[in-house]
Protein backbone atom coordinates (compact mmCIF):
# COMPACT_ATOMS: atom_id res chain seq x y z
CA MET A 1 -1.99 -93.74 48.46
CA TYR A 2 1.06 -92.38 46.61
CA LYS A 3 -0.47 -93.29 43.27
CA LYS A 4 -3.57 -91.19 44.06
CA ILE A 5 -1.45 -88.19 45.05
CA ILE A 6 0.62 -88.46 41.86
CA ALA A 7 -2.55 -88.76 39.76
CA ILE A 8 -4.03 -85.65 41.40
CA LEU A 9 -0.82 -83.67 40.80
CA MET A 10 -0.72 -84.75 37.17
CA TRP A 11 -4.35 -83.64 36.77
CA TYR A 12 -3.62 -80.20 38.29
CA ASP A 13 -0.56 -79.82 36.07
CA SER A 14 -2.59 -80.69 33.00
CA ALA A 15 -5.41 -78.33 34.01
CA TRP A 16 -2.98 -75.47 34.77
CA SER A 17 -1.17 -75.97 31.49
CA TYR A 18 -4.46 -75.88 29.61
CA THR A 19 -5.58 -72.76 31.48
CA LEU A 20 -2.26 -70.98 30.86
CA LYS A 21 -2.33 -71.79 27.17
CA ASN A 22 -5.92 -70.61 26.95
CA TRP A 23 -5.06 -67.34 28.73
CA ILE A 24 -2.08 -66.70 26.45
CA MET A 25 -4.24 -67.36 23.40
CA ARG A 26 -6.87 -64.93 24.65
CA ALA A 27 -4.22 -62.28 25.36
CA LYS A 28 -2.83 -62.63 21.85
CA LEU A 29 -6.28 -62.35 20.33
CA THR A 30 -7.01 -59.28 22.46
CA CYS A 31 -3.77 -57.57 21.38
CA LEU A 32 -4.50 -58.39 17.76
CA MET A 33 -8.01 -56.96 18.02
CA LEU A 34 -6.72 -53.79 19.71
CA LEU A 35 -4.06 -53.36 17.03
CA LEU A 36 -6.62 -53.77 14.29
CA ALA A 37 -8.93 -51.32 16.06
CA PHE A 38 -6.22 -48.64 16.33
CA MET A 39 -5.23 -49.17 12.72
CA GLN A 40 -8.85 -48.85 11.71
CA MET A 41 -9.13 -45.62 13.70
CA GLY A 42 -6.02 -44.22 12.01
CA PHE A 43 -7.23 -45.16 8.54
CA ALA A 44 -10.66 -43.76 9.36
CA ALA A 45 -9.11 -40.47 10.48
CA LEU A 46 -7.00 -40.19 7.35
CA ALA A 47 -10.09 -41.03 5.31
CA GLN A 48 -11.88 -37.89 6.54
CA ARG A 49 -13.26 -35.73 3.77
CA VAL A 50 -11.99 -32.14 3.60
CA SER A 51 -12.19 -29.32 1.07
CA LEU A 52 -9.36 -26.85 0.57
CA THR A 53 -8.82 -24.07 -1.96
CA LYS A 54 -5.73 -21.87 -1.61
CA LYS A 55 -3.48 -19.93 -3.97
CA ASN A 56 0.08 -19.10 -2.92
CA ALA A 57 -0.98 -19.41 0.72
CA ALA A 58 1.39 -19.71 3.66
CA ILE A 59 1.77 -23.17 5.17
CA THR A 60 0.45 -21.92 8.52
CA GLU A 61 -2.74 -20.67 6.86
CA VAL A 62 -3.25 -24.10 5.28
CA PHE A 63 -2.71 -25.82 8.64
CA ARG A 64 -5.30 -23.59 10.33
CA GLU A 65 -7.90 -24.49 7.73
CA LEU A 66 -7.17 -28.23 7.95
CA ARG A 67 -7.27 -28.12 11.75
CA LYS A 68 -10.66 -26.46 11.61
CA GLN A 69 -12.08 -29.17 9.33
CA SER A 70 -10.35 -32.30 10.69
CA GLY A 71 -9.69 -31.53 14.35
CA TYR A 72 -6.02 -32.48 14.00
CA ASP A 73 -3.36 -30.25 15.60
CA PHE A 74 -0.20 -29.42 13.66
CA VAL A 75 3.26 -29.20 15.21
CA ILE A 76 5.83 -27.10 13.29
CA ASN A 77 8.76 -24.95 14.40
CA LYS A 78 9.81 -21.47 13.25
CA ALA A 79 12.69 -22.72 11.10
CA GLN A 80 10.35 -24.99 9.16
CA ILE A 81 7.85 -22.16 8.70
CA LYS A 82 10.62 -19.93 7.34
CA ALA A 83 11.80 -22.63 4.93
CA SER A 84 8.29 -23.52 3.75
CA LYS A 85 7.03 -22.71 0.26
CA PRO A 86 3.66 -21.22 -0.72
CA VAL A 87 0.88 -23.76 -1.20
CA THR A 88 -1.52 -23.75 -4.14
CA ILE A 89 -4.26 -26.39 -3.96
CA ASN A 90 -7.86 -26.84 -5.05
CA VAL A 91 -9.50 -29.97 -3.60
CA LYS A 92 -13.18 -30.51 -2.93
CA ASP A 93 -14.35 -33.33 -0.66
CA GLY A 94 -11.02 -35.17 -0.78
CA GLN A 95 -9.44 -37.54 1.72
CA LEU A 96 -7.31 -35.94 4.41
CA LYS A 97 -4.28 -38.06 3.48
CA ASP A 98 -4.47 -37.02 -0.17
CA VAL A 99 -4.76 -33.36 0.80
CA LEU A 100 -1.78 -33.63 3.17
CA ASP A 101 0.31 -35.34 0.50
CA ALA A 102 -0.50 -32.56 -1.96
CA CYS A 103 0.36 -29.83 0.57
CA PHE A 104 3.70 -31.43 1.48
CA GLU A 105 4.65 -32.41 -2.08
CA ASN A 106 7.04 -29.53 -2.80
CA GLN A 107 7.97 -28.76 0.80
CA PRO A 108 11.45 -29.38 2.26
CA PHE A 109 9.85 -31.53 4.97
CA THR A 110 7.21 -34.23 5.40
CA TYR A 111 4.76 -35.24 8.14
CA ALA A 112 3.98 -37.98 10.62
CA ILE A 113 0.75 -38.65 12.54
CA GLU A 114 0.91 -39.13 16.31
CA ASN A 115 -2.49 -39.65 17.96
CA LYS A 116 -4.46 -36.50 17.09
CA MET A 117 -1.40 -34.52 16.02
CA ILE A 118 0.30 -34.10 12.66
CA VAL A 119 3.99 -33.48 13.29
CA VAL A 120 6.16 -31.82 10.64
CA ILE A 121 9.47 -33.70 10.39
CA PRO A 122 12.55 -33.43 8.13
CA LYS A 123 12.58 -35.50 4.99
CA ARG A 124 14.60 -38.66 4.89
CA HIS A 125 18.01 -38.64 3.27
CA GLU A 126 16.69 -40.64 0.32
CA ASP A 127 14.02 -38.03 -0.36
CA ARG A 128 16.59 -35.22 -0.30
CA VAL A 129 18.81 -37.11 -2.73
CA THR A 130 15.83 -37.55 -5.05
CA GLU A 131 15.10 -33.82 -4.95
CA ILE A 132 18.72 -32.95 -5.70
CA LEU A 133 18.75 -35.35 -8.63
CA LYS A 134 15.72 -33.48 -10.08
CA ASP A 135 17.67 -30.20 -10.19
CA VAL A 136 19.48 -29.23 -13.37
CA ASP A 137 22.37 -26.95 -14.29
CA VAL A 138 21.21 -24.27 -16.73
CA ARG A 139 23.66 -22.91 -19.31
CA GLY A 140 23.19 -20.35 -22.03
CA LYS A 141 24.50 -17.32 -23.89
CA VAL A 142 22.91 -13.85 -24.09
CA LEU A 143 23.33 -11.76 -27.26
CA ASP A 144 21.87 -8.50 -28.53
CA GLU A 145 20.04 -7.93 -31.81
CA ASN A 146 23.35 -7.66 -33.67
CA GLY A 147 24.73 -10.88 -32.25
CA GLU A 148 27.10 -9.15 -29.84
CA PRO A 149 27.46 -10.69 -26.35
CA LEU A 150 25.89 -8.78 -23.47
CA GLN A 151 28.21 -8.75 -20.48
CA GLY A 152 26.63 -8.21 -17.07
CA ALA A 153 23.11 -9.31 -18.01
CA SER A 154 21.09 -10.48 -15.00
CA VAL A 155 20.00 -14.13 -15.01
CA LYS A 156 17.88 -15.27 -12.07
CA VAL A 157 15.21 -17.75 -11.06
CA LYS A 158 11.79 -16.12 -10.92
CA GLY A 159 10.46 -15.96 -7.39
CA GLY A 160 13.73 -17.25 -5.92
CA THR A 161 17.11 -16.02 -4.72
CA LEU A 162 19.31 -17.95 -7.15
CA SER A 163 20.90 -15.56 -9.66
CA THR A 164 24.05 -14.88 -11.66
CA MET A 165 25.41 -12.54 -14.35
CA THR A 166 26.79 -13.15 -17.81
CA ASP A 167 30.55 -13.00 -18.39
CA MET A 168 32.40 -11.06 -21.08
CA ASN A 169 31.30 -13.64 -23.67
CA GLY A 170 27.64 -13.35 -22.62
CA GLU A 171 27.64 -16.86 -21.15
CA PHE A 172 26.07 -17.87 -17.84
CA LEU A 173 25.69 -20.92 -15.60
CA LEU A 174 23.03 -21.49 -12.94
CA LYS A 175 23.52 -24.58 -10.80
CA ALA A 176 20.88 -26.71 -9.06
CA VAL A 177 17.82 -25.17 -10.71
CA GLN A 178 14.50 -26.99 -10.40
CA GLU A 179 13.12 -28.42 -13.60
CA ASP A 180 9.87 -26.45 -13.44
CA ALA A 181 11.59 -23.11 -12.65
CA VAL A 182 11.33 -20.00 -14.83
CA ILE A 183 14.51 -18.12 -15.76
CA VAL A 184 14.32 -14.30 -16.05
CA ILE A 185 16.99 -12.65 -18.22
CA ALA A 186 17.25 -8.85 -18.07
CA TYR A 187 19.62 -6.14 -19.24
CA LEU A 188 19.39 -2.37 -18.91
CA GLY A 189 17.72 -0.86 -21.96
CA TYR A 190 16.50 -4.23 -23.27
CA LYS A 191 13.23 -6.11 -22.88
CA SER A 192 13.33 -8.84 -20.25
CA LEU A 193 12.67 -12.46 -21.20
CA GLU A 194 11.15 -15.27 -19.16
CA LEU A 195 12.07 -18.80 -20.27
CA LYS A 196 11.52 -22.27 -18.85
CA ALA A 197 14.63 -23.76 -17.26
CA ILE A 198 16.32 -26.44 -19.36
CA PRO A 199 19.92 -27.71 -19.13
CA SER A 200 20.97 -26.11 -22.42
CA MET A 201 19.15 -22.88 -23.21
CA GLY A 202 21.37 -22.09 -26.17
CA ILE A 203 21.52 -18.53 -27.48
CA VAL A 204 19.09 -16.00 -26.01
CA ARG A 205 18.63 -12.75 -27.93
CA LEU A 206 17.39 -9.58 -26.21
CA THR A 207 15.72 -6.74 -28.11
CA LEU A 208 15.90 -3.05 -27.31
CA ALA A 209 13.08 -1.64 -25.18
CA THR A 210 11.10 1.34 -26.45
CA SER A 211 11.87 4.38 -24.32
CA GLU A 212 8.87 5.75 -22.46
CA LEU A 213 10.25 9.28 -22.84
CA ASN A 214 9.05 9.29 -26.45
CA GLU A 215 5.50 8.52 -25.30
CA VAL A 216 5.27 11.36 -22.73
CA THR A 217 4.35 14.74 -24.20
CA VAL A 218 4.87 18.03 -22.40
CA SER A 219 3.78 21.56 -23.17
CA THR A 220 6.28 24.38 -23.42
CA GLY A 221 3.60 27.04 -23.56
CA TYR A 222 3.51 27.38 -27.32
CA PHE A 223 3.90 23.83 -28.69
CA GLN A 224 3.76 20.18 -27.64
CA THR A 225 6.89 18.04 -27.69
CA SER A 226 8.12 14.75 -26.30
CA LYS A 227 9.93 14.72 -22.99
CA ARG A 228 12.91 13.16 -24.71
CA LEU A 229 13.31 16.07 -27.14
CA SER A 230 12.54 18.81 -24.61
CA VAL A 231 15.62 20.91 -23.83
CA GLY A 232 14.04 22.68 -20.86
CA ASN A 233 13.38 21.58 -17.32
CA ILE A 234 9.68 20.71 -17.35
CA ALA A 235 7.82 18.75 -14.68
CA LYS A 236 4.39 17.28 -15.31
CA VAL A 237 1.65 16.05 -12.96
CA THR A 238 -1.26 14.15 -14.51
CA ALA A 239 -4.96 14.01 -13.67
CA ASN A 240 -4.62 10.67 -11.85
CA GLU A 241 -2.24 12.19 -9.31
CA ILE A 242 -4.36 15.32 -8.88
CA GLY A 243 -7.72 13.57 -8.56
CA ASN A 244 -6.53 11.22 -5.81
CA GLN A 245 -6.12 14.11 -3.36
CA PRO A 246 -9.13 15.91 -1.81
CA VAL A 247 -7.68 19.42 -1.99
CA VAL A 248 -9.29 22.79 -2.63
CA SER A 249 -6.54 24.25 -4.79
CA PRO A 250 -4.90 22.21 -7.56
CA LEU A 251 -1.55 23.63 -6.46
CA LEU A 252 -1.76 21.73 -3.18
CA ALA A 253 -1.76 18.50 -5.19
CA LEU A 254 1.78 19.34 -6.32
CA GLN A 255 3.29 19.27 -2.83
CA GLY A 256 6.20 16.84 -2.69
CA ARG A 257 5.79 15.81 -6.33
CA VAL A 258 7.95 18.33 -8.20
CA ALA A 259 11.62 18.95 -7.53
CA GLY A 260 12.43 22.61 -6.91
CA LEU A 261 8.80 23.55 -6.20
CA GLU A 262 8.15 24.80 -2.66
CA ILE A 263 4.56 25.22 -1.45
CA THR A 264 4.00 26.68 2.03
CA MET A 265 0.64 27.32 3.66
CA PRO A 266 0.31 30.37 5.96
CA ALA A 267 -0.04 29.80 9.69
CA ASN A 268 -3.63 29.26 10.87
CA ALA A 269 -4.77 29.09 7.26
CA THR A 270 -8.37 28.33 6.37
CA PRO A 271 -9.49 26.35 3.30
CA GLY A 272 -8.98 28.24 0.07
CA VAL A 273 -6.20 30.48 1.39
CA ALA A 274 -3.47 31.34 -1.11
CA PRO A 275 -0.30 29.30 -0.48
CA GLN A 276 3.20 30.66 -0.92
CA ILE A 277 4.66 29.31 -4.18
CA ARG A 278 8.37 29.26 -4.95
CA ILE A 279 10.05 27.74 -8.00
CA ARG A 280 13.79 27.37 -7.38
CA GLY A 281 13.80 29.85 -4.49
CA ASN A 282 13.32 33.62 -4.29
CA ASN A 283 14.17 35.89 -7.20
CA SER A 284 12.88 39.17 -5.73
CA LEU A 285 13.32 41.16 -2.52
CA ARG A 286 9.56 41.73 -2.38
CA ILE A 287 8.63 38.76 -0.21
CA GLY A 288 4.96 38.92 0.72
CA GLY A 289 2.99 37.05 3.31
CA LYS A 290 5.20 37.93 6.29
CA GLY A 291 4.38 40.35 9.05
CA THR A 292 2.14 43.13 7.81
CA VAL A 293 3.17 42.72 4.19
CA ASP A 294 0.25 41.86 1.91
CA VAL A 295 0.51 38.54 0.11
CA SER A 296 -0.54 40.29 -3.08
CA GLU A 297 2.76 42.21 -2.97
CA ASP A 298 4.77 39.00 -3.30
CA GLY A 299 7.24 39.45 -6.16
CA ASN A 300 8.25 35.78 -6.31
CA ARG A 301 5.01 34.26 -7.51
CA PRO A 302 5.12 32.27 -10.77
CA LEU A 303 2.91 33.00 -13.73
CA TYR A 304 -0.27 30.94 -14.02
CA VAL A 305 -1.51 29.96 -17.49
CA VAL A 306 -4.86 28.16 -17.84
CA ASP A 307 -5.58 26.64 -21.26
CA GLY A 308 -3.13 29.06 -22.86
CA VAL A 309 -4.55 32.16 -21.15
CA PRO A 310 -2.41 33.90 -18.49
CA VAL A 311 -4.31 34.60 -15.28
CA MET A 312 -3.40 36.75 -12.30
CA SER A 313 -1.36 35.12 -9.57
CA ASN A 314 -2.10 37.65 -6.83
CA SER A 315 -4.35 36.55 -4.01
CA ILE A 316 -8.02 37.52 -4.04
CA ARG A 317 -9.37 39.76 -1.27
CA THR A 318 -13.08 39.86 -0.46
CA GLY A 319 -13.15 43.33 1.12
CA PHE A 320 -14.81 41.92 4.23
CA PRO A 321 -13.27 40.72 7.50
CA ASP A 322 -12.41 37.03 7.19
CA LEU A 323 -9.92 34.38 8.29
CA SER A 324 -8.09 34.16 4.98
CA ASN A 325 -4.87 35.59 6.47
CA GLY A 326 -3.76 37.29 3.28
CA GLY A 327 -6.39 36.48 0.66
CA TYR A 328 -7.69 33.52 -1.29
CA ASP A 329 -5.94 31.50 -3.96
CA PRO A 330 -7.08 32.49 -7.47
CA LEU A 331 -6.69 28.88 -8.63
CA SER A 332 -9.00 27.61 -5.89
CA THR A 333 -11.88 28.60 -8.17
CA ILE A 334 -10.79 25.83 -10.56
CA ASN A 335 -12.17 22.39 -9.83
CA PRO A 336 -9.18 19.99 -9.50
CA ASN A 337 -11.30 17.21 -11.04
CA ASN A 338 -11.52 19.24 -14.26
CA ILE A 339 -7.74 19.43 -14.69
CA GLU A 340 -6.04 17.15 -17.21
CA SER A 341 -2.45 18.04 -16.34
CA ILE A 342 -0.23 20.63 -14.67
CA GLU A 343 3.20 21.44 -16.08
CA ILE A 344 5.86 23.52 -14.37
CA LEU A 345 8.41 25.41 -16.49
CA LYS A 346 11.46 26.15 -14.37
CA ASP A 347 14.13 27.65 -16.62
CA ALA A 348 14.63 29.65 -19.82
CA ASP A 349 11.74 27.86 -21.49
CA ALA A 350 9.46 29.87 -19.22
CA THR A 351 10.77 33.25 -20.34
CA ALA A 352 11.03 32.37 -24.04
CA VAL A 353 7.31 33.02 -24.59
CA TYR A 354 6.13 34.98 -21.57
CA GLY A 355 9.09 37.32 -21.14
CA SER A 356 9.67 38.91 -17.75
CA ARG A 357 6.34 37.62 -16.47
CA GLY A 358 7.82 34.13 -16.48
CA ALA A 359 10.96 35.11 -14.58
CA ASN A 360 9.73 33.20 -11.51
CA GLY A 361 8.64 30.20 -13.55
CA VAL A 362 5.39 29.30 -15.25
CA ILE A 363 2.67 26.88 -14.16
CA LEU A 364 0.64 25.62 -17.13
CA ILE A 365 -2.80 24.16 -16.35
CA THR A 366 -4.66 22.18 -19.00
CA THR A 367 -8.30 21.38 -18.33
CA LYS A 368 -10.06 18.24 -19.46
CA ARG A 369 -11.82 18.02 -22.80
CA SER A 370 -14.14 15.40 -24.11
CA SER A 371 -12.54 12.46 -25.90
CA ASN A 372 -15.73 10.42 -26.19
CA ARG A 373 -16.28 9.66 -29.88
CA ALA A 374 -18.12 6.38 -29.49
CA GLU A 375 -21.53 7.93 -30.30
CA ARG A 376 -22.79 7.53 -26.76
CA THR A 377 -23.35 9.74 -23.73
CA ASP A 378 -21.59 9.05 -20.44
CA VAL A 379 -22.63 10.39 -17.04
CA ASP A 380 -20.14 10.42 -14.18
CA ILE A 381 -21.22 11.44 -10.67
CA SER A 382 -18.99 11.35 -7.61
CA VAL A 383 -19.84 12.31 -4.03
CA TYR A 384 -17.78 12.15 -0.88
CA ARG A 385 -18.16 13.54 2.61
CA GLY A 386 -15.81 13.55 5.56
CA THR A 387 -15.38 14.99 9.03
CA GLY A 388 -12.44 15.83 11.25
CA ARG A 389 -11.76 16.68 14.88
CA ILE A 390 -8.72 17.50 16.99
CA ALA A 391 -7.28 14.16 18.05
CA ASN A 392 -5.29 15.26 21.11
CA LYS A 393 -5.91 18.12 23.50
CA LEU A 394 -3.85 19.53 26.34
CA GLU A 395 -4.71 18.20 29.78
CA LEU A 396 -5.72 21.26 31.80
CA LEU A 397 -6.59 21.73 35.48
CA ASN A 398 -10.20 22.32 36.37
CA THR A 399 -11.19 25.07 38.85
CA GLU A 400 -10.99 22.84 41.91
CA GLN A 401 -7.54 21.51 40.99
CA TYR A 402 -6.29 25.01 40.22
CA LEU A 403 -7.45 26.46 43.55
CA GLU A 404 -5.93 23.52 45.42
CA MET A 405 -2.62 24.12 43.66
CA ARG A 406 -2.71 27.86 44.53
CA ARG A 407 -3.45 27.24 48.21
CA GLU A 408 -0.75 24.59 48.45
CA GLY A 409 1.73 26.99 46.89
CA LEU A 410 0.91 29.72 49.40
CA ASP A 411 1.13 27.25 52.30
CA ASN A 412 4.52 26.02 51.14
CA ALA A 413 5.73 29.63 50.92
CA GLY A 414 4.31 30.49 54.36
CA VAL A 415 2.12 33.24 52.91
CA SER A 416 -1.51 33.83 53.84
CA VAL A 417 -4.28 34.70 51.39
CA ASN A 418 -4.67 38.48 50.93
CA ASP A 419 -7.05 40.78 49.06
CA PHE A 420 -4.92 40.69 45.94
CA ASP A 421 -5.47 36.96 45.47
CA TYR A 422 -8.61 37.55 43.45
CA ASP A 423 -8.80 33.97 42.21
CA LEU A 424 -8.95 32.65 45.78
CA LYS A 425 -11.17 35.28 47.40
CA TYR A 426 -13.55 36.64 44.78
CA TRP A 427 -13.82 34.30 41.83
CA ASP A 428 -16.59 31.72 41.68
CA PRO A 429 -14.99 28.42 42.82
CA ASN A 430 -17.68 26.39 41.05
CA SER A 431 -17.29 28.03 37.65
CA TYR A 432 -15.23 26.23 35.00
CA THR A 433 -14.97 26.61 31.24
CA ASP A 434 -12.82 24.39 29.03
CA TRP A 435 -11.90 26.84 26.29
CA GLN A 436 -10.41 24.06 24.20
CA ASP A 437 -13.87 22.55 23.85
CA VAL A 438 -15.46 25.94 23.28
CA LEU A 439 -13.04 27.14 20.61
CA LEU A 440 -11.53 23.95 19.20
CA GLY A 441 -14.03 21.27 20.10
CA GLY A 442 -16.14 21.49 16.98
CA THR A 443 -16.21 19.15 14.00
CA ALA A 444 -14.84 20.19 10.62
CA GLY A 445 -16.72 18.87 7.63
CA ILE A 446 -15.97 18.44 3.95
CA THR A 447 -18.52 17.82 1.22
CA ASP A 448 -17.78 17.38 -2.46
CA LEU A 449 -20.20 16.71 -5.32
CA GLN A 450 -19.10 16.42 -8.95
CA SER A 451 -21.10 15.54 -12.06
CA ILE A 452 -19.92 15.28 -15.65
CA ILE A 453 -21.81 14.56 -18.87
CA SER A 454 -19.78 13.78 -21.98
CA GLY A 455 -20.58 12.41 -25.40
CA GLY A 456 -20.12 12.88 -29.09
CA ASN A 457 -19.50 11.16 -32.39
CA GLN A 458 -16.71 10.91 -34.93
CA ASN A 459 -16.94 14.62 -35.78
CA THR A 460 -17.89 16.39 -32.55
CA SER A 461 -17.55 15.77 -28.85
CA PHE A 462 -18.73 17.69 -25.81
CA ARG A 463 -18.13 17.75 -22.07
CA ILE A 464 -20.27 19.56 -19.49
CA GLY A 465 -19.50 19.42 -15.81
CA GLY A 466 -20.48 21.02 -12.55
CA GLY A 467 -19.41 20.71 -8.97
CA TYR A 468 -19.90 21.90 -5.43
CA HIS A 469 -17.28 21.84 -2.68
CA ARG A 470 -17.56 23.04 0.91
CA GLU A 471 -15.21 22.83 3.87
CA THR A 472 -15.97 24.04 7.39
CA LEU A 473 -13.71 24.69 10.37
CA ILE A 474 -13.63 23.31 13.90
CA LEU A 475 -14.12 26.87 15.17
CA SER A 476 -17.69 27.08 13.94
CA PRO A 477 -19.78 25.75 11.06
CA GLU A 478 -20.31 29.38 10.06
CA PHE A 479 -16.66 29.66 9.07
CA GLY A 480 -15.61 27.78 5.99
CA TYR A 481 -15.05 27.76 2.27
CA SER A 482 -17.57 27.05 -0.47
CA ARG A 483 -17.04 26.71 -4.20
CA ALA A 484 -19.43 26.11 -7.04
CA SER A 485 -17.90 25.43 -10.45
CA ALA A 486 -19.04 24.71 -13.98
CA GLN A 487 -17.22 23.77 -17.16
CA ALA A 488 -18.25 23.24 -20.75
CA SER A 489 -16.16 22.34 -23.79
CA VAL A 490 -16.97 21.28 -27.33
């Protein structure tokens, strides 16, 4: 009996041991298969194909594009974004891992993948040591053309914050500069140099820079000279600065561009109205444009000279009732697009040629002439149109709100309505007119059309141009300013 019981127990023990071993084996195989599956998923994710083309792009912009293509989220903090460097990459149909490695190559951090997230993490200490070992100390000496040391020359890393200055011997030292960096060496009055960073840059020679003052010519009214040799105070505004402003009068293009020149528009002025011009203040007691004084009586206006011909500076009156508030600007008849340059003579240079007429200064206007000598004909047409309205209006009470306010005021004062309260007893309570809309609710328009034909050969050149300009007011389309102009030169 006991032998049978022992045999049965031994059989159960053997069966249980076999079952347990089998279960453990299956569990191990299952874990191994799951591990391989997850690894396969990770490798498959990193093997995704993405395309990325960026030039000096922010790291956040790169992450947005990669997230859109791969579905991975990026985790990065503000400090890492601030410390990041611009990314330049051009990859087409590349693996995600290769693209990530390229994006993080020159960054002060690296990345790790957690599930469906790419986490930006600091680089390991070994990586930082490797980067530091790649940096070099740059030494050199800066001399001028005669071999003399330049003290105080600026030496800096292009696109970075690392910089220094040369000592009294012209020598400099920049520490921890990346091998692929570019060194910029500059000194006032000399041409700057850009050199690749190497540990020993040796002697660097700077050459004198050509002064731009010799290249700028100005007119004194009777001859052309360089700005460097000019002894007078002459300011010049070129065609590029004038043409960029849609103004009626070329004088308005000078506002804020010339020191000592004050240009003031009259109150409630319409397009084409003569502005008040002052060069270095008032020189006469006859100050026009104020009160009932005619603008034409202004004794402080400068002399206008167009292509060497003096023109009147007094405002033009039409003889008919208008909104000009003192007359129109005589220079508003000149198309600003036809002007090559405007020069302002402020001191004795102005009176040397023009005498007392130039006591208030002289404004020289030079119109454009053809410079096309390539034996071809050029046609230039420009058109622009714009509109304008009052952006903000006063918030006014309507009739109902006004009457309610009046009645409430009388009630608060304990006064009853009497026959002298015409607005409450006799006026139409349903009538309302918003005079802001009636008088100022219109749309002002501006239309400009310019056409120029120029051509020539080695011996002769020509330029023919025409234009039309119109500006209207918000008061009514009937009020406005129109100008038709034509120009021809050979």
